[in-house]
Amino acid sequence: MPVRSPSYTVVTCKTGALKQILDCDKALIRVQSVEAGHRETDACVDGIPPLQTLPPLCNMTGTLQHMQRSCTGRKSCMFSMGHCDTACMRRCLYMRTTYTCTFGGDEVIKMLRANYGRLNQKRCRYKAPRRFKHTEPCRTPNALKEMSRRCDGKHKCSVRASNHVFTNPCPGVRKYLQYSYICVPASKKPVKPSKGK
């Protein structure tokens, strides 16, 4: 059976720090959960909030997603406590985050979707010349195939968003690269039986 990575919990009191720090040294962070409280009874005492009899009153769904995007896959991460205030809709008193530290060999990239072009006029906005006004969606058919070729099965990858890599589906239009991916368990290569003499 695979060995599970141990979980770590960090509690940050708003009264003493502006940022929460997650650290995995040489391993990679994977954020699991975030919770927070703003009630007076939840006030931090010596850096540790008292046991709660009621669930936290703050909706941390957005904060969790933001923290996962910002911190997952990094060795260390500083996350602003200001996100806690937003989630609580008032002054947040503490934020508790649970995360694991995993080594790169555990999971690899699997691309799901990709496009090089322009699907949204509001994203990466720019003032286009009149002769290059483009209102139709601009897509590159081979974008997912190219991203998969360069990134699938790797722990990290870097791809330049350029016509040289993805061709030029709509000349004169300023394009951007948009993609989504998941991390999947690294597949083990089958061991070939040794040939007898």
N, C-alpha and C. Protein backbone atom coordinates (compact mmCIF):
# COMPACT_ATOMS: atom_id res chain seq x y z
N MET A 1 0.84 -1.20 0.00
CA MET A 1 0.00 0.00 0.00
C MET A 1 0.88 1.25 0.00
N PRO A 2 0.44 2.33 -0.70
CA PRO A 2 1.24 3.55 -0.72
C PRO A 2 1.28 4.21 0.65
N VAL A 3 2.40 4.81 0.97
CA VAL A 3 2.55 5.48 2.26
C VAL A 3 1.96 6.88 2.15
N ARG A 4 1.07 7.20 3.07
CA ARG A 4 0.44 8.51 3.05
C ARG A 4 1.37 9.56 3.65
N SER A 5 1.36 10.75 3.07
CA SER A 5 2.17 11.84 3.59
C SER A 5 1.53 12.35 4.87
N PRO A 6 2.33 12.65 5.90
CA PRO A 6 1.75 13.18 7.14
C PRO A 6 1.16 14.57 6.92
N SER A 7 0.12 14.90 7.69
CA SER A 7 -0.52 16.21 7.59
C SER A 7 0.10 17.17 8.60
N TYR A 8 0.18 18.42 8.23
CA TYR A 8 0.68 19.46 9.11
C TYR A 8 -0.40 20.53 9.24
N THR A 9 -0.47 21.14 10.40
CA THR A 9 -1.46 22.19 10.64
C THR A 9 -0.74 23.44 11.15
N VAL A 10 -1.06 24.57 10.54
CA VAL A 10 -0.49 25.84 10.98
C VAL A 10 -1.63 26.77 11.35
N VAL A 11 -1.54 27.38 12.52
CA VAL A 11 -2.55 28.33 13.00
C VAL A 11 -1.91 29.71 13.06
N THR A 12 -2.54 30.66 12.40
CA THR A 12 -2.02 32.03 12.40
C THR A 12 -3.05 32.95 13.01
N CYS A 13 -2.64 33.71 14.02
CA CYS A 13 -3.53 34.68 14.66
C CYS A 13 -3.39 36.03 13.99
N LYS A 14 -4.49 36.62 13.63
CA LYS A 14 -4.47 37.89 12.91
C LYS A 14 -3.84 38.99 13.76
N THR A 15 -3.92 38.83 15.09
CA THR A 15 -3.39 39.87 15.97
C THR A 15 -1.86 39.91 15.93
N GLY A 16 -1.23 38.81 15.49
CA GLY A 16 0.22 38.76 15.54
C GLY A 16 0.92 38.66 14.21
N ALA A 17 0.20 38.37 13.12
CA ALA A 17 0.86 38.18 11.83
C ALA A 17 -0.04 38.65 10.70
N LEU A 18 0.58 39.13 9.63
CA LEU A 18 -0.16 39.57 8.44
C LEU A 18 -0.22 38.48 7.38
N LYS A 19 0.67 37.48 7.51
CA LYS A 19 0.70 36.41 6.53
C LYS A 19 0.85 35.05 7.21
N GLN A 20 0.25 34.04 6.59
CA GLN A 20 0.42 32.67 7.07
C GLN A 20 1.50 32.01 6.22
N ILE A 21 2.38 31.28 6.86
CA ILE A 21 3.51 30.67 6.15
C ILE A 21 3.38 29.15 6.16
N LEU A 22 3.42 28.55 4.98
CA LEU A 22 3.45 27.10 4.83
C LEU A 22 4.84 26.73 4.32
N ASP A 23 5.42 25.68 4.86
CA ASP A 23 6.78 25.32 4.47
C ASP A 23 6.95 23.81 4.43
N CYS A 24 7.49 23.31 3.33
CA CYS A 24 7.74 21.87 3.18
C CYS A 24 9.22 21.57 2.93
N ASP A 25 10.10 22.54 3.14
CA ASP A 25 11.53 22.35 2.95
C ASP A 25 11.81 21.91 1.51
N LYS A 26 12.15 20.63 1.28
CA LYS A 26 12.48 20.15 -0.06
C LYS A 26 11.30 19.46 -0.75
N ALA A 27 10.20 19.26 -0.02
CA ALA A 27 9.02 18.60 -0.60
C ALA A 27 8.06 19.66 -1.16
N LEU A 28 6.91 19.22 -1.67
CA LEU A 28 5.93 20.12 -2.29
C LEU A 28 4.66 20.19 -1.46
N ILE A 29 4.12 21.40 -1.33
CA ILE A 29 2.91 21.64 -0.54
C ILE A 29 1.68 21.14 -1.28
N ARG A 30 0.77 20.53 -0.54
CA ARG A 30 -0.57 20.21 -1.05
C ARG A 30 -1.57 20.63 0.02
N VAL A 31 -2.29 21.73 -0.23
CA VAL A 31 -3.24 22.28 0.74
C VAL A 31 -4.48 21.40 0.79
N GLN A 32 -4.89 21.02 2.02
CA GLN A 32 -6.05 20.15 2.19
C GLN A 32 -7.28 20.90 2.67
N SER A 33 -7.13 21.75 3.69
CA SER A 33 -8.29 22.44 4.24
C SER A 33 -7.87 23.75 4.89
N VAL A 34 -8.83 24.68 4.93
CA VAL A 34 -8.63 25.96 5.59
C VAL A 34 -9.90 26.29 6.37
N GLU A 35 -9.73 26.73 7.61
CA GLU A 35 -10.88 27.18 8.38
C GLU A 35 -10.49 28.45 9.13
N ALA A 36 -11.49 29.22 9.53
CA ALA A 36 -11.22 30.48 10.21
C ALA A 36 -12.38 30.82 11.13
N GLY A 37 -12.15 31.77 12.03
CA GLY A 37 -13.19 32.20 12.94
C GLY A 37 -13.07 33.68 13.21
N HIS A 38 -14.21 34.32 13.51
CA HIS A 38 -14.20 35.74 13.83
C HIS A 38 -14.92 36.04 15.13
N ARG A 39 -15.44 35.00 15.81
CA ARG A 39 -16.14 35.23 17.07
C ARG A 39 -15.14 35.57 18.16
N GLU A 40 -15.59 36.35 19.13
CA GLU A 40 -14.71 36.72 20.23
C GLU A 40 -14.21 35.50 20.99
N THR A 41 -15.05 34.46 21.08
CA THR A 41 -14.64 33.25 21.81
C THR A 41 -13.59 32.47 21.06
N ASP A 42 -13.36 32.81 19.78
CA ASP A 42 -12.36 32.11 18.98
C ASP A 42 -11.00 32.82 19.04
N ALA A 43 -10.90 33.89 19.83
CA ALA A 43 -9.67 34.66 19.86
C ALA A 43 -8.49 33.77 20.23
N CYS A 44 -7.37 34.02 19.60
CA CYS A 44 -6.18 33.21 19.86
C CYS A 44 -5.61 33.48 21.25
N VAL A 45 -5.20 32.41 21.89
CA VAL A 45 -4.54 32.50 23.19
C VAL A 45 -3.20 31.79 23.05
N ASP A 46 -2.11 32.52 23.19
CA ASP A 46 -0.77 31.94 23.01
C ASP A 46 -0.61 31.28 21.64
N GLY A 47 -1.28 31.86 20.63
CA GLY A 47 -1.14 31.35 19.27
C GLY A 47 -2.02 30.16 18.94
N ILE A 48 -2.83 29.69 19.91
CA ILE A 48 -3.68 28.53 19.66
C ILE A 48 -5.13 28.88 20.00
N PRO A 49 -6.06 28.74 19.04
CA PRO A 49 -7.45 29.05 19.35
C PRO A 49 -8.04 27.97 20.26
N PRO A 50 -9.00 28.33 21.11
CA PRO A 50 -9.62 27.33 21.99
C PRO A 50 -10.43 26.33 21.19
N LEU A 51 -10.72 25.19 21.79
CA LEU A 51 -11.54 24.18 21.11
C LEU A 51 -12.92 24.77 20.82
N GLN A 52 -13.44 24.42 19.66
CA GLN A 52 -14.73 24.97 19.26
C GLN A 52 -15.84 23.95 19.41
N THR A 53 -16.98 24.40 19.87
CA THR A 53 -18.14 23.53 19.96
C THR A 53 -19.06 23.73 18.77
N LEU A 54 -18.86 24.82 18.05
CA LEU A 54 -19.63 25.10 16.85
C LEU A 54 -18.69 25.23 15.66
N PRO A 55 -19.14 24.91 14.44
CA PRO A 55 -18.27 25.04 13.27
C PRO A 55 -17.94 26.51 13.02
N PRO A 56 -16.82 26.79 12.36
CA PRO A 56 -16.46 28.18 12.06
C PRO A 56 -17.56 28.86 11.25
N LEU A 57 -17.71 30.17 11.47
CA LEU A 57 -18.77 30.92 10.79
C LEU A 57 -18.34 31.51 9.47
N CYS A 58 -17.09 31.31 9.08
CA CYS A 58 -16.58 31.91 7.85
C CYS A 58 -16.66 30.92 6.69
N ASN A 59 -17.08 31.41 5.53
CA ASN A 59 -17.12 30.57 4.34
C ASN A 59 -15.75 30.61 3.68
N MET A 60 -15.00 29.50 3.80
CA MET A 60 -13.61 29.48 3.35
C MET A 60 -13.42 28.81 1.99
N THR A 61 -14.51 28.53 1.27
CA THR A 61 -14.39 27.82 -0.01
C THR A 61 -13.51 28.59 -0.99
N GLY A 62 -13.79 29.88 -1.15
CA GLY A 62 -13.00 30.69 -2.07
C GLY A 62 -11.55 30.83 -1.62
N THR A 63 -11.36 30.98 -0.30
CA THR A 63 -10.01 31.10 0.25
C THR A 63 -9.22 29.82 0.03
N LEU A 64 -9.87 28.67 0.24
CA LEU A 64 -9.22 27.38 0.02
C LEU A 64 -8.77 27.25 -1.43
N GLN A 65 -9.65 27.58 -2.36
CA GLN A 65 -9.31 27.49 -3.78
C GLN A 65 -8.16 28.42 -4.14
N HIS A 66 -8.20 29.64 -3.58
CA HIS A 66 -7.13 30.61 -3.83
C HIS A 66 -5.80 30.11 -3.26
N MET A 67 -5.84 29.56 -2.05
CA MET A 67 -4.62 29.07 -1.43
C MET A 67 -4.07 27.86 -2.18
N GLN A 68 -4.95 26.98 -2.66
CA GLN A 68 -4.50 25.82 -3.43
C GLN A 68 -3.81 26.27 -4.72
N ARG A 69 -4.38 27.29 -5.39
CA ARG A 69 -3.76 27.80 -6.61
C ARG A 69 -2.41 28.45 -6.31
N SER A 70 -2.33 29.16 -5.18
CA SER A 70 -1.12 29.91 -4.85
C SER A 70 -0.01 29.05 -4.27
N CYS A 71 -0.38 28.01 -3.50
CA CYS A 71 0.63 27.29 -2.71
C CYS A 71 0.90 25.85 -3.15
N THR A 72 -0.11 25.15 -3.67
CA THR A 72 0.09 23.76 -4.04
C THR A 72 1.18 23.62 -5.10
N GLY A 73 2.10 22.70 -4.85
CA GLY A 73 3.19 22.45 -5.78
C GLY A 73 4.43 23.27 -5.50
N ARG A 74 4.36 24.15 -4.48
CA ARG A 74 5.53 24.95 -4.11
C ARG A 74 6.17 24.40 -2.84
N LYS A 75 7.43 24.73 -2.62
CA LYS A 75 8.14 24.26 -1.43
C LYS A 75 7.81 25.11 -0.21
N SER A 76 7.55 26.37 -0.41
CA SER A 76 7.14 27.25 0.67
C SER A 76 6.20 28.30 0.10
N CYS A 77 5.37 28.87 0.98
CA CYS A 77 4.34 29.80 0.50
C CYS A 77 3.93 30.74 1.63
N MET A 78 3.77 32.01 1.30
CA MET A 78 3.23 32.99 2.24
C MET A 78 1.87 33.44 1.72
N PHE A 79 0.85 33.35 2.58
CA PHE A 79 -0.52 33.65 2.16
C PHE A 79 -1.07 34.77 3.04
N SER A 80 -1.56 35.83 2.41
CA SER A 80 -2.03 37.00 3.15
C SER A 80 -3.25 36.68 4.01
N MET A 81 -3.21 37.16 5.25
CA MET A 81 -4.36 36.97 6.15
C MET A 81 -5.54 37.83 5.73
N GLY A 82 -5.33 38.75 4.78
CA GLY A 82 -6.41 39.57 4.28
C GLY A 82 -7.51 38.74 3.62
N HIS A 83 -7.12 37.56 3.06
CA HIS A 83 -8.13 36.68 2.46
C HIS A 83 -9.07 36.12 3.52
N CYS A 84 -8.56 36.01 4.73
CA CYS A 84 -9.38 35.53 5.84
C CYS A 84 -10.46 36.55 6.18
N ASP A 85 -10.11 37.84 6.19
CA ASP A 85 -11.09 38.89 6.46
C ASP A 85 -12.22 38.87 5.43
N THR A 86 -11.84 38.69 4.16
CA THR A 86 -12.83 38.66 3.08
C THR A 86 -13.80 37.51 3.26
N ALA A 87 -13.28 36.34 3.62
CA ALA A 87 -14.12 35.15 3.79
C ALA A 87 -15.07 35.31 4.97
N CYS A 88 -14.63 35.99 6.02
CA CYS A 88 -15.44 36.14 7.23
C CYS A 88 -16.39 37.33 7.15
N MET A 89 -16.23 38.18 6.13
CA MET A 89 -17.05 39.37 5.95
C MET A 89 -16.87 40.36 7.10
N ARG A 90 -15.83 40.17 7.88
CA ARG A 90 -15.49 41.09 8.96
C ARG A 90 -14.09 40.72 9.43
N ARG A 91 -13.61 41.32 10.50
CA ARG A 91 -12.24 41.06 10.94
C ARG A 91 -12.09 39.60 11.38
N CYS A 92 -11.16 38.90 10.75
CA CYS A 92 -10.90 37.49 11.06
C CYS A 92 -9.89 37.43 12.21
N LEU A 93 -10.11 36.53 13.16
CA LEU A 93 -9.23 36.43 14.32
C LEU A 93 -8.16 35.36 14.17
N TYR A 94 -8.44 34.31 13.43
CA TYR A 94 -7.42 33.29 13.21
C TYR A 94 -7.73 32.50 11.94
N MET A 95 -6.73 31.85 11.40
CA MET A 95 -6.89 30.98 10.23
C MET A 95 -6.06 29.72 10.47
N ARG A 96 -6.69 28.58 10.31
CA ARG A 96 -6.02 27.29 10.50
C ARG A 96 -5.98 26.55 9.17
N THR A 97 -4.79 26.17 8.72
CA THR A 97 -4.62 25.48 7.44
C THR A 97 -3.96 24.13 7.66
N THR A 98 -4.50 23.12 7.02
CA THR A 98 -3.93 21.77 7.06
C THR A 98 -3.38 21.44 5.68
N TYR A 99 -2.15 20.92 5.64
CA TYR A 99 -1.53 20.60 4.36
C TYR A 99 -0.57 19.43 4.52
N THR A 100 -0.20 18.84 3.41
CA THR A 100 0.77 17.74 3.41
C THR A 100 1.98 18.16 2.60
N CYS A 101 3.08 17.48 2.82
CA CYS A 101 4.30 17.70 2.06
C CYS A 101 4.60 16.43 1.27
N THR A 102 4.58 16.52 -0.04
CA THR A 102 4.82 15.35 -0.88
C THR A 102 6.03 15.60 -1.77
N PHE A 103 6.72 14.55 -2.10
CA PHE A 103 7.87 14.66 -2.99
C PHE A 103 7.40 14.53 -4.44
N GLY A 104 8.15 15.13 -5.33
CA GLY A 104 7.75 15.21 -6.74
C GLY A 104 7.43 13.88 -7.38
N GLY A 105 8.00 12.79 -6.86
CA GLY A 105 7.78 11.50 -7.48
C GLY A 105 6.39 10.95 -7.28
N ASP A 106 5.60 11.56 -6.39
CA ASP A 106 4.28 11.04 -6.07
C ASP A 106 3.27 11.24 -7.19
N GLU A 107 3.27 12.43 -7.80
CA GLU A 107 2.27 12.75 -8.81
C GLU A 107 2.89 13.49 -9.99
N VAL A 108 2.22 13.39 -11.13
CA VAL A 108 2.69 14.05 -12.35
C VAL A 108 1.53 14.79 -13.01
N ILE A 109 1.85 15.62 -13.97
CA ILE A 109 0.87 16.46 -14.66
C ILE A 109 0.06 15.65 -15.68
N LYS A 110 -1.23 15.95 -15.75
CA LYS A 110 -2.11 15.42 -16.80
C LYS A 110 -2.94 16.58 -17.32
N MET A 111 -2.69 17.00 -18.56
CA MET A 111 -3.41 18.14 -19.13
C MET A 111 -4.86 17.74 -19.43
N LEU A 112 -5.80 18.67 -19.17
CA LEU A 112 -7.22 18.42 -19.43
C LEU A 112 -7.73 19.25 -20.60
N ARG A 113 -7.42 20.55 -20.59
CA ARG A 113 -7.88 21.45 -21.65
C ARG A 113 -6.80 22.47 -21.94
N ALA A 114 -6.77 22.96 -23.15
CA ALA A 114 -5.82 24.01 -23.49
C ALA A 114 -6.28 24.74 -24.74
N ASN A 115 -6.01 26.03 -24.78
CA ASN A 115 -6.27 26.82 -25.99
C ASN A 115 -5.27 27.96 -26.06
N TYR A 116 -4.77 28.18 -27.26
CA TYR A 116 -3.93 29.33 -27.54
C TYR A 116 -4.68 30.19 -28.54
N GLY A 117 -5.06 31.36 -28.13
CA GLY A 117 -5.86 32.23 -28.98
C GLY A 117 -6.52 33.31 -28.14
N ARG A 118 -7.80 33.55 -28.42
CA ARG A 118 -8.55 34.55 -27.64
C ARG A 118 -10.02 34.16 -27.64
N LEU A 119 -10.53 33.81 -26.45
CA LEU A 119 -11.93 33.45 -26.30
C LEU A 119 -12.71 34.52 -25.55
N ASN A 120 -11.98 35.41 -24.89
CA ASN A 120 -12.62 36.43 -24.06
C ASN A 120 -11.93 37.77 -24.31
N GLN A 121 -12.71 38.76 -24.71
CA GLN A 121 -12.14 40.07 -25.02
C GLN A 121 -11.67 40.81 -23.77
N LYS A 122 -12.19 40.42 -22.60
CA LYS A 122 -11.83 41.10 -21.36
C LYS A 122 -10.56 40.56 -20.73
N ARG A 123 -10.17 39.35 -21.10
CA ARG A 123 -8.96 38.76 -20.54
C ARG A 123 -7.73 39.24 -21.32
N CYS A 124 -6.68 39.62 -20.60
CA CYS A 124 -5.47 40.15 -21.25
C CYS A 124 -5.85 41.24 -22.24
N ARG A 125 -6.57 42.24 -21.76
CA ARG A 125 -7.13 43.28 -22.64
C ARG A 125 -6.03 44.10 -23.32
N TYR A 126 -6.35 44.53 -24.52
CA TYR A 126 -5.44 45.40 -25.27
C TYR A 126 -6.26 46.15 -26.31
N LYS A 127 -5.70 47.23 -26.80
CA LYS A 127 -6.38 48.04 -27.82
C LYS A 127 -5.90 47.59 -29.19
N ALA A 128 -6.77 46.89 -29.89
CA ALA A 128 -6.40 46.36 -31.21
C ALA A 128 -6.62 47.40 -32.30
N PRO A 129 -5.74 47.41 -33.31
CA PRO A 129 -5.97 48.29 -34.47
C PRO A 129 -7.29 47.94 -35.15
N ARG A 130 -7.94 48.91 -35.74
CA ARG A 130 -9.25 48.67 -36.35
C ARG A 130 -9.22 47.56 -37.38
N ARG A 131 -8.17 47.51 -38.17
CA ARG A 131 -8.11 46.49 -39.23
C ARG A 131 -7.94 45.08 -38.67
N PHE A 132 -7.62 44.99 -37.37
CA PHE A 132 -7.45 43.67 -36.75
C PHE A 132 -8.52 43.37 -35.71
N LYS A 133 -9.63 44.12 -35.76
CA LYS A 133 -10.72 43.85 -34.83
C LYS A 133 -11.21 42.41 -35.04
N HIS A 134 -11.28 41.65 -33.94
CA HIS A 134 -11.64 40.24 -34.06
C HIS A 134 -12.64 39.90 -32.96
N THR A 135 -13.87 39.64 -33.36
CA THR A 135 -14.92 39.37 -32.37
C THR A 135 -15.23 37.88 -32.25
N GLU A 136 -14.82 37.07 -33.23
CA GLU A 136 -15.08 35.64 -33.19
C GLU A 136 -14.06 34.94 -32.28
N PRO A 137 -14.46 33.85 -31.62
CA PRO A 137 -13.50 33.11 -30.79
C PRO A 137 -12.31 32.62 -31.63
N CYS A 138 -11.12 32.74 -31.09
CA CYS A 138 -9.91 32.31 -31.79
C CYS A 138 -9.34 31.09 -31.08
N ARG A 139 -9.30 29.96 -31.77
CA ARG A 139 -8.85 28.70 -31.16
C ARG A 139 -7.71 28.07 -31.96
N THR A 140 -6.85 27.36 -31.24
CA THR A 140 -5.80 26.57 -31.87
C THR A 140 -6.15 25.10 -31.68
N PRO A 141 -6.48 24.38 -32.74
CA PRO A 141 -6.93 22.98 -32.61
C PRO A 141 -5.92 22.06 -31.93
N ASN A 142 -4.63 22.33 -32.11
CA ASN A 142 -3.63 21.41 -31.59
C ASN A 142 -3.08 21.82 -30.22
N ALA A 143 -3.71 22.80 -29.57
CA ALA A 143 -3.18 23.33 -28.31
C ALA A 143 -3.09 22.25 -27.23
N LEU A 144 -4.17 21.48 -27.03
CA LEU A 144 -4.15 20.44 -26.00
C LEU A 144 -3.12 19.37 -26.33
N LYS A 145 -3.04 18.98 -27.58
CA LYS A 145 -2.08 17.96 -28.00
C LYS A 145 -0.65 18.43 -27.73
N GLU A 146 -0.38 19.70 -28.05
CA GLU A 146 0.96 20.24 -27.85
C GLU A 146 1.31 20.36 -26.37
N MET A 147 0.35 20.82 -25.56
CA MET A 147 0.58 20.93 -24.12
C MET A 147 0.77 19.56 -23.49
N SER A 148 -0.02 18.59 -23.95
CA SER A 148 0.11 17.22 -23.43
C SER A 148 1.47 16.64 -23.78
N ARG A 149 1.92 16.89 -25.00
CA ARG A 149 3.22 16.38 -25.45
C ARG A 149 4.36 16.94 -24.61
N ARG A 150 4.23 18.20 -24.21
CA ARG A 150 5.30 18.86 -23.47
C ARG A 150 5.22 18.66 -21.95
N CYS A 151 4.02 18.39 -21.43
CA CYS A 151 3.85 18.41 -19.97
C CYS A 151 3.37 17.10 -19.34
N ASP A 152 2.58 16.30 -20.04
CA ASP A 152 2.04 15.08 -19.43
C ASP A 152 3.15 14.18 -18.90
N GLY A 153 2.95 13.67 -17.70
CA GLY A 153 3.90 12.75 -17.10
C GLY A 153 5.08 13.42 -16.42
N LYS A 154 5.12 14.75 -16.43
CA LYS A 154 6.22 15.48 -15.80
C LYS A 154 5.77 16.08 -14.47
N HIS A 155 6.74 16.38 -13.60
CA HIS A 155 6.43 17.01 -12.32
C HIS A 155 6.23 18.51 -12.49
N LYS A 156 6.87 19.11 -13.46
CA LYS A 156 6.69 20.52 -13.78
C LYS A 156 7.08 20.75 -15.23
N CYS A 157 6.54 21.80 -15.83
CA CYS A 157 6.90 22.10 -17.21
C CYS A 157 6.69 23.57 -17.47
N SER A 158 7.35 24.08 -18.49
CA SER A 158 7.23 25.47 -18.89
C SER A 158 7.03 25.52 -20.40
N VAL A 159 5.98 26.20 -20.83
CA VAL A 159 5.66 26.30 -22.26
C VAL A 159 5.49 27.77 -22.63
N ARG A 160 6.18 28.20 -23.66
CA ARG A 160 6.09 29.59 -24.10
C ARG A 160 4.82 29.80 -24.92
N ALA A 161 4.03 30.80 -24.56
CA ALA A 161 2.82 31.12 -25.30
C ALA A 161 3.20 31.94 -26.52
N SER A 162 3.43 31.28 -27.66
CA SER A 162 3.87 31.99 -28.86
C SER A 162 3.37 31.29 -30.11
N ASN A 163 3.35 32.03 -31.21
CA ASN A 163 2.94 31.46 -32.50
C ASN A 163 3.91 30.37 -32.95
N HIS A 164 5.17 30.50 -32.54
CA HIS A 164 6.17 29.52 -32.91
C HIS A 164 5.84 28.13 -32.35
N VAL A 165 5.23 28.12 -31.18
CA VAL A 165 4.89 26.83 -30.53
C VAL A 165 3.53 26.33 -31.01
N PHE A 166 2.55 27.22 -31.10
CA PHE A 166 1.16 26.79 -31.36
C PHE A 166 0.63 27.17 -32.74
N THR A 167 1.43 27.71 -33.62
CA THR A 167 1.01 28.27 -34.91
C THR A 167 0.23 29.57 -34.67
N ASN A 168 -0.32 30.14 -35.73
CA ASN A 168 -1.01 31.43 -35.64
C ASN A 168 -2.43 31.30 -36.15
N PRO A 169 -3.39 30.96 -35.29
CA PRO A 169 -4.77 30.71 -35.73
C PRO A 169 -5.51 31.97 -36.17
N CYS A 170 -5.13 33.14 -35.67
CA CYS A 170 -5.82 34.38 -36.05
C CYS A 170 -4.81 35.52 -36.12
N PRO A 171 -4.20 35.73 -37.29
CA PRO A 171 -3.19 36.77 -37.46
C PRO A 171 -3.71 38.15 -37.06
N GLY A 172 -2.85 38.91 -36.39
CA GLY A 172 -3.21 40.27 -36.00
C GLY A 172 -3.91 40.38 -34.67
N VAL A 173 -4.28 39.23 -34.07
CA VAL A 173 -4.98 39.24 -32.78
C VAL A 173 -3.98 38.86 -31.68
N ARG A 174 -3.98 39.61 -30.60
CA ARG A 174 -3.10 39.29 -29.48
C ARG A 174 -3.68 38.10 -28.73
N LYS A 175 -2.89 37.05 -28.62
CA LYS A 175 -3.39 35.79 -28.08
C LYS A 175 -2.82 35.50 -26.70
N TYR A 176 -3.48 34.60 -25.97
CA TYR A 176 -2.98 34.15 -24.67
C TYR A 176 -3.18 32.63 -24.58
N LEU A 177 -2.43 32.02 -23.70
CA LEU A 177 -2.51 30.58 -23.49
C LEU A 177 -3.33 30.31 -22.24
N GLN A 178 -4.36 29.50 -22.37
CA GLN A 178 -5.21 29.14 -21.25
C GLN A 178 -5.27 27.62 -21.16
N TYR A 179 -5.13 27.08 -19.97
CA TYR A 179 -5.10 25.61 -19.83
C TYR A 179 -5.54 25.20 -18.45
N SER A 180 -5.89 23.95 -18.30
CA SER A 180 -6.20 23.38 -17.00
C SER A 180 -5.60 21.98 -16.94
N TYR A 181 -5.24 21.55 -15.75
CA TYR A 181 -4.60 20.24 -15.59
C TYR A 181 -4.89 19.69 -14.20
N ILE A 182 -4.61 18.42 -14.01
CA ILE A 182 -4.70 17.79 -12.70
C ILE A 182 -3.38 17.07 -12.43
N CYS A 183 -3.17 16.71 -11.20
CA CYS A 183 -2.01 15.91 -10.83
C CYS A 183 -2.49 14.48 -10.58
N VAL A 184 -1.86 13.53 -11.22
CA VAL A 184 -2.26 12.12 -11.11
C VAL A 184 -1.07 11.30 -10.61
N PRO A 185 -1.33 10.15 -10.00
CA PRO A 185 -0.23 9.31 -9.53
C PRO A 185 0.69 8.94 -10.69
N ALA A 186 1.99 9.00 -10.42
CA ALA A 186 2.97 8.64 -11.45
C ALA A 186 2.87 7.15 -11.73
N SER A 187 2.75 6.80 -13.00
CA SER A 187 2.66 5.38 -13.35
C SER A 187 4.04 4.76 -13.30
N LYS A 188 4.08 3.57 -12.76
CA LYS A 188 5.35 2.85 -12.67
C LYS A 188 5.58 2.05 -13.95
N LYS A 189 6.76 2.16 -14.49
CA LYS A 189 7.08 1.42 -15.70
C LYS A 189 7.19 -0.07 -15.38
N PRO A 190 6.59 -0.92 -16.21
CA PRO A 190 6.67 -2.35 -15.95
C PRO A 190 8.11 -2.85 -16.01
N VAL A 191 8.44 -3.74 -15.12
CA VAL A 191 9.78 -4.32 -15.08
C VAL A 191 9.87 -5.43 -16.12
N LYS A 192 10.82 -5.32 -17.04
CA LYS A 192 10.98 -6.33 -18.07
C LYS A 192 11.70 -7.55 -17.48
N PRO A 193 11.18 -8.75 -17.74
CA PRO A 193 11.86 -9.93 -17.23
C PRO A 193 13.25 -10.08 -17.87
N SER A 194 14.20 -10.45 -17.07
CA SER A 194 15.56 -10.62 -17.58
C SER A 194 15.63 -11.86 -18.46
N LYS A 195 16.42 -11.77 -19.54
CA LYS A 195 16.54 -12.89 -20.46
C LYS A 195 17.58 -13.89 -19.91
N GLY A 196 17.21 -15.13 -19.92
CA GLY A 196 18.13 -16.15 -19.45
C GLY A 196 19.20 -16.44 -20.49
N LYS A 197 20.37 -16.85 -20.02
CA LYS A 197 21.47 -17.15 -20.95
C LYS A 197 21.26 -18.50 -21.61
